[in-house]
Amino acid sequence: MFVYIREAHPSDSNWADDEKLIEEPLTLTQRGTVASQCSRELSLTMPMVVDDMHDTVNQLYGAWPERIYVIDTDGNIAFKGGLGPFGFKPKKAEHALRALLDSE
């Protein structure tokens, strides 16, 4: 599952991305709209949920700027990737997920 957290480089911030002109969403509805746009642009095929406006998931998992977790069926963290962009290693997460699935 992909969890959309707060916008990393909103256009109305000091760390704006000149290629993506997305303002920081101020409501959950706005965040959901931006998340849907993200899903379409990245051609995601996995389910996506949106973090709340208090950034609960982001705070609990230290997800910003990007991070991959694999959670087992008991809710335990089976893999915790490094912080992005340099620690963002999808192949390592894939190997961990495959190992987890093979052990069941």
C-alpha atoms as a PDB file:
ATOM      1  CA  MET A   1       0.000   0.000   0.000  1.00  0.00           C
ATOM      2  CA  PHE A   2       1.278   3.463  -0.857  1.00  0.00           C
ATOM      3  CA  VAL A   3       0.733   6.082   1.852  1.00  0.00           C
ATOM      4  CA  TYR A   4       0.662   9.621   0.497  1.00  0.00           C
ATOM      5  CA  ILE A   5       2.135  11.955   3.111  1.00  0.00           C
ATOM      6  CA  ARG A   6       2.632  15.720   3.037  1.00  0.00           C
ATOM      7  CA  GLU A   7       3.900  17.294  -0.153  1.00  0.00           C
ATOM      8  CA  ALA A   8       7.715  17.208  -0.164  1.00  0.00           C
ATOM      9  CA  HIS A   9       8.342  20.244  -2.383  1.00  0.00           C
ATOM     10  CA  PRO A  10       5.248  22.456  -2.467  1.00  0.00           C
ATOM     11  CA  SER A  11       5.432  25.479  -4.743  1.00  0.00           C
ATOM     12  CA  ASP A  12       4.484  27.786  -1.874  1.00  0.00           C
ATOM     13  CA  SER A  13       7.551  26.848   0.201  1.00  0.00           C
ATOM     14  CA  ASN A  14      11.259  27.633   0.347  1.00  0.00           C
ATOM     15  CA  TRP A  15      12.098  24.158  -1.009  1.00  0.00           C
ATOM     16  CA  ALA A  16       9.833  24.233  -4.070  1.00  0.00           C
ATOM     17  CA  ASP A  17      10.412  21.975  -7.053  1.00  0.00           C
ATOM     18  CA  ASP A  18      10.357  24.091 -10.205  1.00  0.00           C
ATOM     19  CA  GLU A  19       9.049  21.133 -12.226  1.00  0.00           C
ATOM     20  CA  LYS A  20       6.054  20.402  -9.982  1.00  0.00           C
ATOM     21  CA  LEU A  21       3.876  23.396  -9.218  1.00  0.00           C
ATOM     22  CA  ILE A  22       1.780  21.952  -6.417  1.00  0.00           C
ATOM     23  CA  GLU A  23       0.849  24.098  -3.426  1.00  0.00           C
ATOM     24  CA  GLU A  24       0.806  22.536   0.037  1.00  0.00           C
ATOM     25  CA  PRO A  25      -2.704  21.101   0.533  1.00  0.00           C
ATOM     26  CA  LEU A  26      -4.506  22.773   3.437  1.00  0.00           C
ATOM     27  CA  THR A  27      -7.362  20.278   3.771  1.00  0.00           C
ATOM     28  CA  LEU A  28      -7.676  16.507   3.623  1.00  0.00           C
ATOM     29  CA  THR A  29      -9.775  16.861   0.459  1.00  0.00           C
ATOM     30  CA  GLN A  30      -7.012  18.876  -1.216  1.00  0.00           C
ATOM     31  CA  ARG A  31      -4.402  16.345  -0.082  1.00  0.00           C
ATOM     32  CA  GLY A  32      -6.527  13.565  -1.557  1.00  0.00           C
ATOM     33  CA  THR A  33      -6.734  15.406  -4.870  1.00  0.00           C
ATOM     34  CA  VAL A  34      -2.948  15.819  -5.005  1.00  0.00           C
ATOM     35  CA  ALA A  35      -2.503  12.157  -4.009  1.00  0.00           C
ATOM     36  CA  SER A  36      -4.760  11.078  -6.882  1.00  0.00           C
ATOM     37  CA  GLN A  37      -2.705  13.205  -9.274  1.00  0.00           C
ATOM     38  CA  CYS A  38       0.477  11.595  -7.917  1.00  0.00           C
ATOM     39  CA  SER A  39      -0.962   8.111  -8.406  1.00  0.00           C
ATOM     40  CA  ARG A  40      -1.916   8.865 -12.013  1.00  0.00           C
ATOM     41  CA  GLU A  41       1.424  10.493 -12.887  1.00  0.00           C
ATOM     42  CA  LEU A  42       3.417   7.609 -11.383  1.00  0.00           C
ATOM     43  CA  SER A  43       1.052   5.003 -12.903  1.00  0.00           C
ATOM     44  CA  LEU A  44       0.745   3.308  -9.514  1.00  0.00           C
ATOM     45  CA  THR A  45      -1.067  -0.002  -9.469  1.00  0.00           C
ATOM     46  CA  MET A  46      -1.019  -0.538  -5.713  1.00  0.00           C
ATOM     47  CA  PRO A  47      -3.720   0.801  -3.395  1.00  0.00           C
ATOM     48  CA  MET A  48      -3.085   4.284  -1.996  1.00  0.00           C
ATOM     49  CA  VAL A  49      -4.238   5.866   1.234  1.00  0.00           C
ATOM     50  CA  VAL A  50      -3.714   9.461   2.337  1.00  0.00           C
ATOM     51  CA  ASP A  51      -2.112  10.455   5.643  1.00  0.00           C
ATOM     52  CA  ASP A  52      -4.224  12.740   7.794  1.00  0.00           C
ATOM     53  CA  MET A  53      -3.531  16.466   8.156  1.00  0.00           C
ATOM     54  CA  HIS A  54      -1.698  15.817  11.446  1.00  0.00           C
ATOM     55  CA  ASP A  55       0.788  13.644   9.487  1.00  0.00           C
ATOM     56  CA  THR A  56       0.192  10.711  11.831  1.00  0.00           C
ATOM     57  CA  VAL A  57       1.686   7.993   9.597  1.00  0.00           C
ATOM     58  CA  ASN A  58       4.594  10.226   8.643  1.00  0.00           C
ATOM     59  CA  GLN A  59       5.356  10.878  12.319  1.00  0.00           C
ATOM     60  CA  LEU A  60       4.992   7.237  13.390  1.00  0.00           C
ATOM     61  CA  TYR A  61       7.168   5.819  10.623  1.00  0.00           C
ATOM     62  CA  GLY A  62       9.560   8.695   9.894  1.00  0.00           C
ATOM     63  CA  ALA A  63       8.402   8.540   6.298  1.00  0.00           C
ATOM     64  CA  TRP A  64       9.560  11.939   5.039  1.00  0.00           C
ATOM     65  CA  PRO A  65      10.957  12.486   2.490  1.00  0.00           C
ATOM     66  CA  GLU A  66      10.334   8.913   1.341  1.00  0.00           C
ATOM     67  CA  ARG A  67      10.749   5.501   2.834  1.00  0.00           C
ATOM     68  CA  ILE A  68       9.695   1.941   2.116  1.00  0.00           C
ATOM     69  CA  TYR A  69       8.425  -0.420   4.797  1.00  0.00           C
ATOM     70  CA  VAL A  70       7.351  -4.038   4.492  1.00  0.00           C
ATOM     71  CA  ILE A  71       4.868  -4.981   7.208  1.00  0.00           C
ATOM     72  CA  ASP A  72       4.141  -8.648   7.912  1.00  0.00           C
ATOM     73  CA  THR A  73       0.675 -10.099   8.517  1.00  0.00           C
ATOM     74  CA  ASP A  74       1.123  -9.688  12.290  1.00  0.00           C
ATOM     75  CA  GLY A  75       1.784  -5.959  11.869  1.00  0.00           C
ATOM     76  CA  ASN A  76       5.517  -6.221  12.531  1.00  0.00           C
ATOM     77  CA  ILE A  77       8.058  -4.291  10.475  1.00  0.00           C
ATOM     78  CA  ALA A  78       9.821  -6.874   8.293  1.00  0.00           C
ATOM     79  CA  PHE A  79      11.843  -4.309   6.335  1.00  0.00           C
ATOM     80  CA  LYS A  80      12.631  -0.650   6.931  1.00  0.00           C
ATOM     81  CA  GLY A  81      14.312   1.140   4.061  1.00  0.00           C
ATOM     82  CA  GLY A  82      16.595   4.125   4.410  1.00  0.00           C
ATOM     83  CA  LEU A  83      15.569   7.736   3.955  1.00  0.00           C
ATOM     84  CA  GLY A  84      15.203   8.902   0.383  1.00  0.00           C
ATOM     85  CA  PRO A  85      16.342   9.809  -2.010  1.00  0.00           C
ATOM     86  CA  PHE A  86      19.687   8.028  -1.475  1.00  0.00           C
ATOM     87  CA  GLY A  87      18.353   5.358   0.883  1.00  0.00           C
ATOM     88  CA  PHE A  88      15.308   4.685  -1.307  1.00  0.00           C
ATOM     89  CA  LYS A  89      16.022   1.148  -2.554  1.00  0.00           C
ATOM     90  CA  PRO A  90      12.868  -0.459  -3.991  1.00  0.00           C
ATOM     91  CA  LYS A  91      14.734  -3.614  -5.064  1.00  0.00           C
ATOM     92  CA  LYS A  92      15.817  -4.315  -1.467  1.00  0.00           C
ATOM     93  CA  ALA A  93      12.210  -3.915  -0.344  1.00  0.00           C
ATOM     94  CA  GLU A  94      11.099  -6.259  -3.118  1.00  0.00           C
ATOM     95  CA  HIS A  95      13.603  -8.910  -1.967  1.00  0.00           C
ATOM     96  CA  ALA A  96      12.401  -8.554   1.631  1.00  0.00           C
ATOM     97  CA  LEU A  97       8.775  -8.841   0.543  1.00  0.00           C
ATOM     98  CA  ARG A  98       9.487 -11.907  -1.596  1.00  0.00           C
ATOM     99  CA  ALA A  99      11.369 -13.555   1.295  1.00  0.00           C
ATOM    100  CA  LEU A 100       8.469 -12.833   3.616  1.00  0.00           C
ATOM    101  CA  LEU A 101       5.948 -14.263   1.150  1.00  0.00           C
ATOM    102  CA  ASP A 102       8.105 -17.341   0.553  1.00  0.00           C
ATOM    103  CA  SER A 103       8.267 -18.047   4.294  1.00  0.00           C
ATOM    104  CA  GLU A 104       4.485 -18.169   4.689  1.00  0.00           C
END
